[in-house]
Amino acid sequence: MSLDIPDPLQRWRLLLGDPAESACGGLSAEAQAADAALDWLYGRDSDRASRGERSAGLGPSALSTPDWINTIHTLFPKEVIERLEQDAVERYGIDEVVTNLEVLERIEPSESLLRAVLHTKHLMNPEVLAAARKLVAEVVRRIMEKLATEVRQAFSGSRDRRRRSRMKVARNFDFRQTLAANLHRYDPQRRKLYVERPIFISRTKRHAEPWDIVLLIDQSGSMVDSVIHSAVMAACLWQLPGMRTRLVAFDTAVVDLTADVSDPVELLMKVQLGGGTDIAKAVAYAQSLVANPSKSIVVLVSDFYEGGSEHELVRRVKALVESGAKVLGLAALDSNAEPNYDREMAARLVREGAQIGAMTPGQLAGWLAEKVQG
């Protein structure tokens, strides 16, 4: 059962820390446990006092990492637990949160912890790695469940207003025809339109020639979110008819992971984050995979900070575009947040005909569907 503190003074005391005790009063036994758990984590920040943040009397050594995990899972609701665990691995670098077997067996799966596992899996013994794989599998399942729906909707065909549909789903709802068909049911006194017969339209399937989709994924440490979503996106695209999907990870070397694309968990466990970046070499490999340029799309997911030859990168992107292939460069494939990337290099690639931007996986699915379905 999670912590319940109805007294506002005690809540303020927890927020402000030990210096506020004289004004707010002492804490109950349960609140003291919460205070110790919070200070175990945030007490590590040596600058907290200068910022006026909380500080309590217990130091980081008062709890072990497994004890802390057990405590926060007992005291706090799920959303607070996820934030505390995220701060532990990302803000304070407490690797033991994802390398300790006892902790991994209790921890709440989340994308922040998946990122931590990918960064630290080389530190894990086989038993811990097996537990970590279960965490990865659960997070991937959640991401894939959402993304698979978006991909199916994107590739479900164009709307055809000439034909009605019995599939009563929101994306097929025809507002205009529904309004016209029910105008006689408008009540002027109540100023309401009563809809008796909603109208849904059909969709047409476009059977195009097979397309080749090549996903080039920068596996440098800063691109971990994009690596995760690219792996899941590739698995979703792999299941679509009329498309051949390849997934290639790169740093200074190029690794074709297409053999594992149907299993994003296995794929992610093989990714090696970090190292340098040779984007030109990756684009050269993509060129070798392109057999029919007019039916090929190369999606480069990278921050565009080229560690190899910038001239060679620009030359190869230009050659791909001139051959008829479509080149999309994504500075991020994870969120709508403003990504950090080399804007000068991105601008040079745009001048050679590439499209550059940042997309969520769902937006990328829509973009691909638009190109593939004409």
Protein backbone atom coordinates (compact mmCIF):
# COMPACT_ATOMS: atom_id res chain seq x y z
CA MET A 1 0.00 0.00 0.00
CA SER A 2 1.48 3.35 -1.03
CA LEU A 3 2.24 6.20 1.34
CA ASP A 4 -0.69 8.40 2.36
CA ILE A 5 0.15 11.73 4.03
CA PRO A 6 -2.98 13.88 4.36
CA ASP A 7 -1.30 16.44 6.64
CA PRO A 8 -0.07 19.31 4.39
CA LEU A 9 2.63 20.30 6.90
CA GLN A 10 4.15 16.84 6.74
CA ARG A 11 4.02 16.97 2.94
CA TRP A 12 5.90 20.27 2.98
CA ARG A 13 8.40 18.82 5.43
CA LEU A 14 9.06 15.93 3.02
CA LEU A 15 9.47 18.33 0.14
CA LEU A 16 11.79 20.79 1.89
CA GLY A 17 13.83 18.37 3.95
CA ASP A 18 15.30 18.45 7.45
CA PRO A 19 15.78 22.27 7.68
CA ALA A 20 11.98 22.70 7.58
CA GLU A 21 11.33 20.48 10.61
CA SER A 22 11.24 23.40 13.08
CA ALA A 23 8.48 25.07 11.06
CA CYS A 24 6.52 22.03 9.91
CA GLY A 25 6.99 19.64 12.81
CA GLY A 26 8.28 16.08 12.89
CA LEU A 27 7.35 13.19 10.66
CA SER A 28 5.36 10.05 11.31
CA ALA A 29 7.20 6.73 11.16
CA GLU A 30 5.98 6.03 7.62
CA ALA A 31 6.88 9.54 6.47
CA GLN A 32 10.34 9.14 8.01
CA ALA A 33 10.85 6.03 5.87
CA ALA A 34 9.86 8.00 2.79
CA ASP A 35 12.20 10.83 3.81
CA ALA A 36 15.10 8.39 4.16
CA ALA A 37 14.33 6.87 0.74
CA LEU A 38 14.24 10.28 -0.91
CA ASP A 39 17.45 11.40 0.73
CA TRP A 40 19.21 8.14 -0.19
CA LEU A 41 18.87 9.32 -3.77
CA TYR A 42 18.73 13.11 -3.77
CA GLY A 43 21.15 13.47 -0.87
CA ARG A 44 23.90 12.62 -3.39
CA ASP A 45 23.54 16.02 -5.02
CA SER A 46 26.21 18.23 -3.45
CA ASP A 47 24.72 21.40 -4.97
CA ARG A 48 21.23 20.93 -3.56
CA ALA A 49 21.72 23.35 -0.66
CA SER A 50 22.81 26.21 -2.92
CA ARG A 51 19.65 25.68 -4.95
CA GLY A 52 17.46 25.62 -1.84
CA GLU A 53 16.43 22.00 -2.40
CA ARG A 54 15.59 19.38 0.19
CA SER A 55 18.17 17.86 2.50
CA ALA A 56 17.62 15.34 5.26
CA GLY A 57 19.86 13.87 7.88
CA LEU A 58 20.38 10.40 6.41
CA GLY A 59 23.29 9.87 4.02
CA PRO A 60 23.39 7.64 0.93
CA SER A 61 24.87 4.73 2.94
CA ALA A 62 21.79 4.36 5.16
CA LEU A 63 20.16 1.94 2.68
CA SER A 64 21.53 -0.61 0.24
CA THR A 65 20.28 -0.43 -3.34
CA PRO A 66 18.00 -3.50 -2.96
CA ASP A 67 16.64 -2.09 0.33
CA TRP A 68 15.95 1.23 -1.39
CA ILE A 69 14.10 -0.46 -4.28
CA ASN A 70 11.98 -2.46 -1.86
CA THR A 71 11.23 0.67 0.18
CA ILE A 72 10.09 2.87 -2.71
CA HIS A 73 7.94 0.05 -4.10
CA THR A 74 6.24 -0.17 -0.72
CA LEU A 75 5.76 3.55 -0.12
CA PHE A 76 5.18 5.30 -3.44
CA PRO A 77 2.72 5.06 -6.35
CA LYS A 78 3.89 3.74 -9.74
CA GLU A 79 4.54 7.09 -11.41
CA VAL A 80 6.75 8.24 -8.50
CA ILE A 81 8.64 4.93 -8.51
CA GLU A 82 9.39 5.29 -12.23
CA ARG A 83 10.71 8.84 -11.72
CA LEU A 84 12.90 7.81 -8.76
CA GLU A 85 14.36 4.86 -10.69
CA GLN A 86 14.93 7.05 -13.74
CA ASP A 87 16.79 9.65 -11.67
CA ALA A 88 18.85 6.93 -10.02
CA VAL A 89 20.23 5.61 -13.31
CA GLU A 90 20.26 8.75 -15.45
CA ARG A 91 20.94 11.60 -13.01
CA TYR A 92 23.18 9.87 -10.49
CA GLY A 93 24.57 6.96 -12.51
CA ILE A 94 23.73 4.27 -9.95
CA ASP A 95 24.47 1.29 -12.23
CA GLU A 96 23.60 -1.18 -9.47
CA VAL A 97 19.93 -0.40 -10.13
CA VAL A 98 20.20 -2.48 -13.31
CA THR A 99 23.17 -4.75 -12.53
CA ASN A 100 21.98 -6.17 -9.19
CA LEU A 101 19.88 -9.33 -9.61
CA GLU A 102 17.73 -8.69 -6.55
CA VAL A 103 16.94 -5.19 -7.80
CA LEU A 104 16.19 -6.26 -11.36
CA GLU A 105 13.70 -8.85 -10.18
CA ARG A 106 11.73 -6.14 -8.35
CA ILE A 107 12.17 -3.05 -10.49
CA GLU A 108 9.33 -1.45 -12.48
CA PRO A 109 9.99 -1.82 -16.27
CA SER A 110 10.31 1.54 -18.04
CA GLU A 111 12.07 3.04 -21.04
CA SER A 112 14.58 4.83 -18.82
CA LEU A 113 15.60 1.49 -17.31
CA LEU A 114 15.76 -0.11 -20.75
CA ARG A 115 18.22 2.62 -21.74
CA ALA A 116 20.28 1.87 -18.63
CA VAL A 117 20.33 -1.87 -19.39
CA LEU A 118 21.60 -1.22 -22.92
CA HIS A 119 24.37 0.99 -21.53
CA THR A 120 25.46 -1.46 -18.82
CA LYS A 121 24.69 -4.96 -20.15
CA HIS A 122 28.40 -5.58 -20.71
CA LEU A 123 28.84 -5.37 -16.91
CA MET A 124 26.28 -8.10 -16.18
CA ASN A 125 26.96 -11.73 -15.36
CA PRO A 126 24.78 -14.33 -17.18
CA GLU A 127 22.22 -14.57 -14.35
CA VAL A 128 21.75 -10.80 -14.18
CA LEU A 129 21.67 -10.57 -17.98
CA ALA A 130 18.81 -13.08 -18.07
CA ALA A 131 16.81 -10.95 -15.63
CA ALA A 132 17.66 -7.81 -17.61
CA ARG A 133 16.42 -9.48 -20.79
CA LYS A 134 13.01 -9.96 -19.15
CA LEU A 135 12.88 -6.24 -18.38
CA VAL A 136 13.85 -5.42 -21.96
CA ALA A 137 11.18 -7.80 -23.29
CA GLU A 138 8.43 -6.19 -21.22
CA VAL A 139 9.32 -2.64 -22.24
CA VAL A 140 9.64 -3.65 -25.91
CA ARG A 141 6.25 -5.39 -25.71
CA ARG A 142 4.63 -2.17 -24.47
CA ILE A 143 6.27 -0.03 -27.16
CA MET A 144 5.45 -2.53 -29.90
CA GLU A 145 1.83 -2.85 -28.82
CA LYS A 146 1.35 0.87 -29.36
CA LEU A 147 3.50 1.24 -32.45
CA ALA A 148 2.09 -1.80 -34.27
CA THR A 149 -1.36 -0.19 -34.16
CA GLU A 150 0.01 3.07 -35.60
CA VAL A 151 1.86 1.22 -38.37
CA ARG A 152 -1.22 -0.83 -39.32
CA GLN A 153 -3.34 2.33 -39.47
CA ALA A 154 -0.76 4.13 -41.59
CA PHE A 155 -0.59 1.29 -44.12
CA SER A 156 -4.30 0.41 -44.12
CA GLY A 157 -4.95 2.23 -47.41
CA SER A 158 -6.47 5.54 -48.49
CA ARG A 159 -10.03 6.59 -47.71
CA ASP A 160 -12.58 6.04 -50.47
CA ARG A 161 -15.65 8.29 -50.05
CA ARG A 162 -17.50 6.52 -52.85
CA ARG A 163 -17.96 3.36 -50.80
CA ARG A 164 -19.55 2.88 -47.38
CA SER A 165 -17.98 0.69 -44.74
CA ARG A 166 -19.43 -1.51 -42.04
CA MET A 167 -16.22 -1.08 -40.05
CA LYS A 168 -17.38 1.50 -37.50
CA VAL A 169 -14.02 2.85 -36.36
CA ALA A 170 -13.06 6.48 -35.77
CA ARG A 171 -10.55 6.72 -38.64
CA ASN A 172 -13.30 5.77 -41.15
CA PHE A 173 -15.90 8.20 -39.78
CA ASP A 174 -17.24 10.61 -42.48
CA PHE A 175 -18.22 13.81 -40.71
CA ARG A 176 -19.63 15.61 -43.78
CA GLN A 177 -21.87 12.80 -44.99
CA THR A 178 -23.04 12.09 -41.45
CA LEU A 179 -23.97 15.74 -41.00
CA ALA A 180 -25.86 15.88 -44.32
CA ALA A 181 -27.73 12.63 -43.64
CA ASN A 182 -28.92 13.76 -40.19
CA LEU A 183 -29.73 17.45 -40.70
CA HIS A 184 -33.46 16.69 -40.49
CA ARG A 185 -32.90 15.70 -36.86
CA TYR A 186 -31.65 19.12 -35.82
CA ASP A 187 -33.56 20.56 -32.81
CA PRO A 188 -33.50 24.41 -33.09
CA GLN A 189 -34.82 24.92 -29.54
CA ARG A 190 -32.04 22.87 -27.93
CA ARG A 191 -29.59 23.79 -30.71
CA LYS A 192 -28.52 20.18 -30.96
CA LEU A 193 -28.13 17.74 -33.84
CA TYR A 194 -29.20 14.20 -33.01
CA VAL A 195 -27.27 11.65 -35.05
CA GLU A 196 -29.31 8.58 -35.83
CA ARG A 197 -27.18 7.15 -38.61
CA PRO A 198 -23.40 7.74 -38.52
CA ILE A 199 -21.69 7.09 -41.84
CA PHE A 200 -18.35 5.38 -42.27
CA ILE A 201 -16.40 5.18 -45.51
CA SER A 202 -14.28 2.39 -46.88
CA ARG A 203 -10.58 2.27 -47.65
CA THR A 204 -8.82 1.03 -50.73
CA LYS A 205 -5.78 -1.18 -50.58
CA ARG A 206 -3.00 -0.22 -52.96
CA HIS A 207 -0.93 -3.16 -54.10
CA ALA A 208 2.38 -1.63 -55.09
CA GLU A 209 5.60 -3.23 -56.24
CA PRO A 210 7.84 -4.33 -53.38
CA TRP A 211 9.78 -1.52 -51.72
CA ASP A 212 13.16 -1.78 -50.04
CA ILE A 213 13.39 0.07 -46.72
CA VAL A 214 16.88 0.43 -45.26
CA LEU A 215 17.09 1.75 -41.69
CA LEU A 216 20.59 3.01 -40.85
CA ILE A 217 20.84 3.44 -37.08
CA ASP A 218 23.60 5.41 -35.37
CA GLN A 219 24.41 3.41 -32.22
CA SER A 220 26.47 6.08 -30.49
CA GLY A 221 25.50 6.51 -26.83
CA SER A 222 23.49 9.70 -27.37
CA MET A 223 21.17 7.94 -29.85
CA VAL A 224 19.93 5.20 -27.49
CA ASP A 225 16.26 6.26 -27.60
CA SER A 226 16.30 6.24 -31.40
CA VAL A 227 17.99 2.82 -31.41
CA ILE A 228 15.20 1.39 -29.24
CA HIS A 229 12.37 2.77 -31.37
CA SER A 230 14.14 1.91 -34.64
CA ALA A 231 14.40 -1.72 -33.56
CA VAL A 232 10.69 -1.88 -32.76
CA MET A 233 9.78 0.02 -35.94
CA ALA A 234 11.79 -2.43 -38.05
CA ALA A 235 9.98 -5.36 -36.43
CA CYS A 236 6.61 -3.79 -37.26
CA LEU A 237 7.58 -3.02 -40.87
CA TRP A 238 8.97 -6.54 -41.27
CA GLN A 239 5.46 -7.95 -40.94
CA LEU A 240 4.01 -5.83 -43.77
CA PRO A 241 3.54 -7.38 -47.23
CA GLY A 242 5.20 -5.76 -50.23
CA MET A 243 8.16 -4.41 -48.24
CA ARG A 244 11.67 -5.65 -47.63
CA THR A 245 13.07 -4.09 -44.46
CA ARG A 246 16.76 -4.04 -43.56
CA LEU A 247 18.15 -2.72 -40.28
CA VAL A 248 21.79 -1.71 -40.07
CA ALA A 249 23.55 -0.36 -36.96
CA PHE A 250 26.78 1.57 -37.20
CA ASP A 251 29.48 3.44 -35.30
CA THR A 252 32.91 3.25 -36.92
CA ALA A 253 31.89 -0.24 -38.12
CA VAL A 254 28.72 -1.35 -39.87
CA VAL A 255 26.66 -4.30 -38.59
CA ASP A 256 23.70 -5.68 -40.52
CA LEU A 257 21.14 -6.82 -37.93
CA THR A 258 18.41 -7.79 -40.40
CA ALA A 259 18.58 -11.45 -39.34
CA ASP A 260 17.25 -10.43 -35.91
CA VAL A 261 14.78 -7.79 -37.06
CA SER A 262 11.76 -9.97 -36.25
CA ASP A 263 12.96 -10.21 -32.62
CA PRO A 264 13.60 -6.65 -31.35
CA VAL A 265 14.62 -7.93 -27.90
CA GLU A 266 17.44 -10.05 -29.35
CA LEU A 267 18.37 -7.18 -31.66
CA LEU A 268 18.65 -4.67 -28.83
CA MET A 269 20.73 -7.04 -26.73
CA LYS A 270 23.23 -7.21 -29.61
CA VAL A 271 23.54 -3.43 -30.04
CA GLN A 272 26.87 -2.03 -28.82
CA LEU A 273 26.33 1.57 -27.72
CA GLY A 274 29.15 4.09 -27.82
CA GLY A 275 32.26 4.52 -29.92
CA GLY A 276 32.91 6.80 -32.86
CA THR A 277 30.75 7.50 -35.88
CA ASP A 278 31.43 6.89 -39.58
CA ILE A 279 28.17 7.81 -41.28
CA ALA A 280 29.66 7.75 -44.77
CA LYS A 281 30.61 4.09 -44.37
CA ALA A 282 27.03 3.25 -43.32
CA VAL A 283 25.55 5.13 -46.29
CA ALA A 284 27.99 3.30 -48.60
CA TYR A 285 26.67 -0.01 -47.23
CA ALA A 286 23.09 1.16 -47.84
CA GLN A 287 24.04 1.94 -51.45
CA SER A 288 25.17 -1.66 -51.87
CA LEU A 289 21.71 -2.86 -50.79
CA VAL A 290 19.78 -0.68 -53.25
CA ALA A 291 18.84 -2.74 -56.34
CA ASN A 292 15.85 -0.71 -57.55
CA PRO A 293 16.43 2.95 -56.57
CA SER A 294 12.95 4.13 -57.60
CA LYS A 295 11.47 1.69 -55.06
CA SER A 296 14.00 2.26 -52.28
CA ILE A 297 14.00 4.41 -49.14
CA VAL A 298 17.05 4.93 -46.95
CA VAL A 299 16.24 6.23 -43.47
CA LEU A 300 19.34 7.52 -41.69
CA VAL A 301 18.79 7.95 -37.94
CA SER A 302 21.74 9.94 -36.64
CA ASP A 303 22.84 13.20 -35.02
CA PHE A 304 24.90 13.85 -38.21
CA TYR A 305 28.14 14.47 -36.30
CA GLU A 306 30.42 12.78 -38.82
CA GLY A 307 33.61 11.27 -37.45
CA GLY A 308 34.69 10.07 -40.89
CA SER A 309 34.86 11.97 -44.18
CA GLU A 310 32.20 14.68 -44.44
CA HIS A 311 32.91 15.04 -48.16
CA GLU A 312 32.35 11.31 -48.68
CA LEU A 313 29.09 11.40 -46.73
CA VAL A 314 27.70 14.28 -48.80
CA ARG A 315 28.87 12.64 -52.04
CA ARG A 316 27.19 9.32 -51.27
CA VAL A 317 23.90 10.90 -50.19
CA LYS A 318 23.90 12.92 -53.42
CA ALA A 319 24.53 9.76 -55.45
CA LEU A 320 21.66 7.95 -53.73
CA VAL A 321 19.24 10.80 -54.42
CA GLU A 322 20.36 11.16 -58.04
CA SER A 323 19.83 7.43 -58.59
CA GLY A 324 16.15 7.88 -57.66
CA ALA A 325 16.22 6.60 -54.09
CA LYS A 326 14.57 8.60 -51.32
CA VAL A 327 16.81 9.58 -48.40
CA LEU A 328 15.30 10.64 -45.07
CA GLY A 329 17.59 11.79 -42.27
CA LEU A 330 16.17 11.77 -38.75
CA ALA A 331 17.93 13.55 -35.91
CA ALA A 332 15.66 11.67 -33.50
CA LEU A 333 13.15 8.83 -33.68
CA ASP A 334 11.67 8.94 -30.22
CA SER A 335 9.81 12.14 -29.32
CA ASN A 336 8.86 15.64 -30.33
CA ALA A 337 11.62 17.10 -28.17
CA GLU A 338 14.18 19.33 -29.91
CA PRO A 339 17.09 17.01 -30.75
CA ASN A 340 20.76 17.88 -30.58
CA TYR A 341 22.38 17.41 -34.01
CA ASP A 342 24.87 18.93 -36.45
CA ARG A 343 22.67 21.44 -38.25
CA GLU A 344 25.41 22.47 -40.66
CA MET A 345 25.84 18.90 -41.91
CA ALA A 346 22.06 18.43 -42.02
CA ALA A 347 21.76 21.54 -44.21
CA ARG A 348 24.43 20.20 -46.59
CA LEU A 349 22.51 16.93 -46.95
CA VAL A 350 19.27 18.81 -47.62
CA ARG A 351 21.00 20.70 -50.45
CA GLU A 352 21.80 17.32 -52.01
CA GLY A 353 18.16 16.26 -51.94
CA ALA A 354 17.77 14.49 -48.60
CA GLN A 355 14.89 15.25 -46.28
CA ILE A 356 15.92 16.02 -42.70
CA GLY A 357 13.79 16.22 -39.57
CA ALA A 358 12.78 14.54 -36.34
CA MET A 359 9.79 12.22 -36.03
CA THR A 360 8.04 9.95 -33.64
CA PRO A 361 7.83 6.31 -34.80
CA GLY A 362 4.16 6.83 -35.66
CA GLN A 363 5.00 9.84 -37.82
CA LEU A 364 7.69 7.85 -39.61
CA ALA A 365 5.15 5.09 -40.33
CA GLY A 366 2.83 7.68 -41.87
CA TRP A 367 5.65 9.16 -43.96
CA LEU A 368 6.69 5.74 -45.24
CA ALA A 369 3.08 4.79 -46.04
CA GLU A 370 2.64 7.98 -48.05
CA LYS A 371 5.73 7.21 -50.15
CA VAL A 372 5.08 3.50 -50.60
CA GLN A 373 1.36 3.84 -51.40
CA GLY A 374 1.93 6.72 -53.79
